């Protein structure tokens, strides 16, 4: 049965409205995944959506409509704060057709993680395009405690962000990172020239996954993704 939802997330970001707006519309590979957005009202957006509001650097919205009353809409409202900061009010609204509670819970938690990562991107890597890789774990990583395996391998625990990871692995070399996000279902790592994000989608009936965002000049997504994939697969072998 179709039922509408609305997810609202507000946060302060260490960056100007222009930097936040550009990150939301041009630098998406740096914090979520690569997307093409035609920069104008009525322009084409990802997944067949249309740009419904284009008012840089303060407002951006896009919307996708489908059969049976389906729609999916994203709204960014960016306000200027003192000291080069911004306030982002993000609203994701749409329709879920089944398993409403689980889908809403998953979407809400993903939203908080993605928008935290947007803030990290603006603060540390604003304006830089990323080499991006998306890695999915094996079937065994759908187990209820699968993300705990990742946390144990990284040497971190659910004590909040701010910790440190020093990992050495074949293919990855030395990964020296700050833990910038940590909760029951998600882990965020940030190095001097990269962000690695772990998604405990096992909590929502899928497998553990991760994304790699590389900002170093000449960085290559494919070998980095393969190396992290081998590391992730090795945890559940």
Foldseek 3Di string as FASTA:
>chain_A
DKDKDKAKDKDKFQAALQLLQCCVAPQVVQQHNDWHWDQDAQTATPPRWGWHDHDPSAKTKIKDDDPPGWMWMKIWGWAGDPPRMIMIIIMIMTMDDPPVVLVVVVVNVVVVRRVLSSRVCSVQPGPFHWQKDKAFEDPLQLDPCNVVLVCVQQVHDAPFFQDWGWDADVLVGTDTWGFPGDDDAKTWTDDNFKIKIWGSCSVSRGGIMMMITGRDPPDHNVSVRVSVRVVRHVSRD
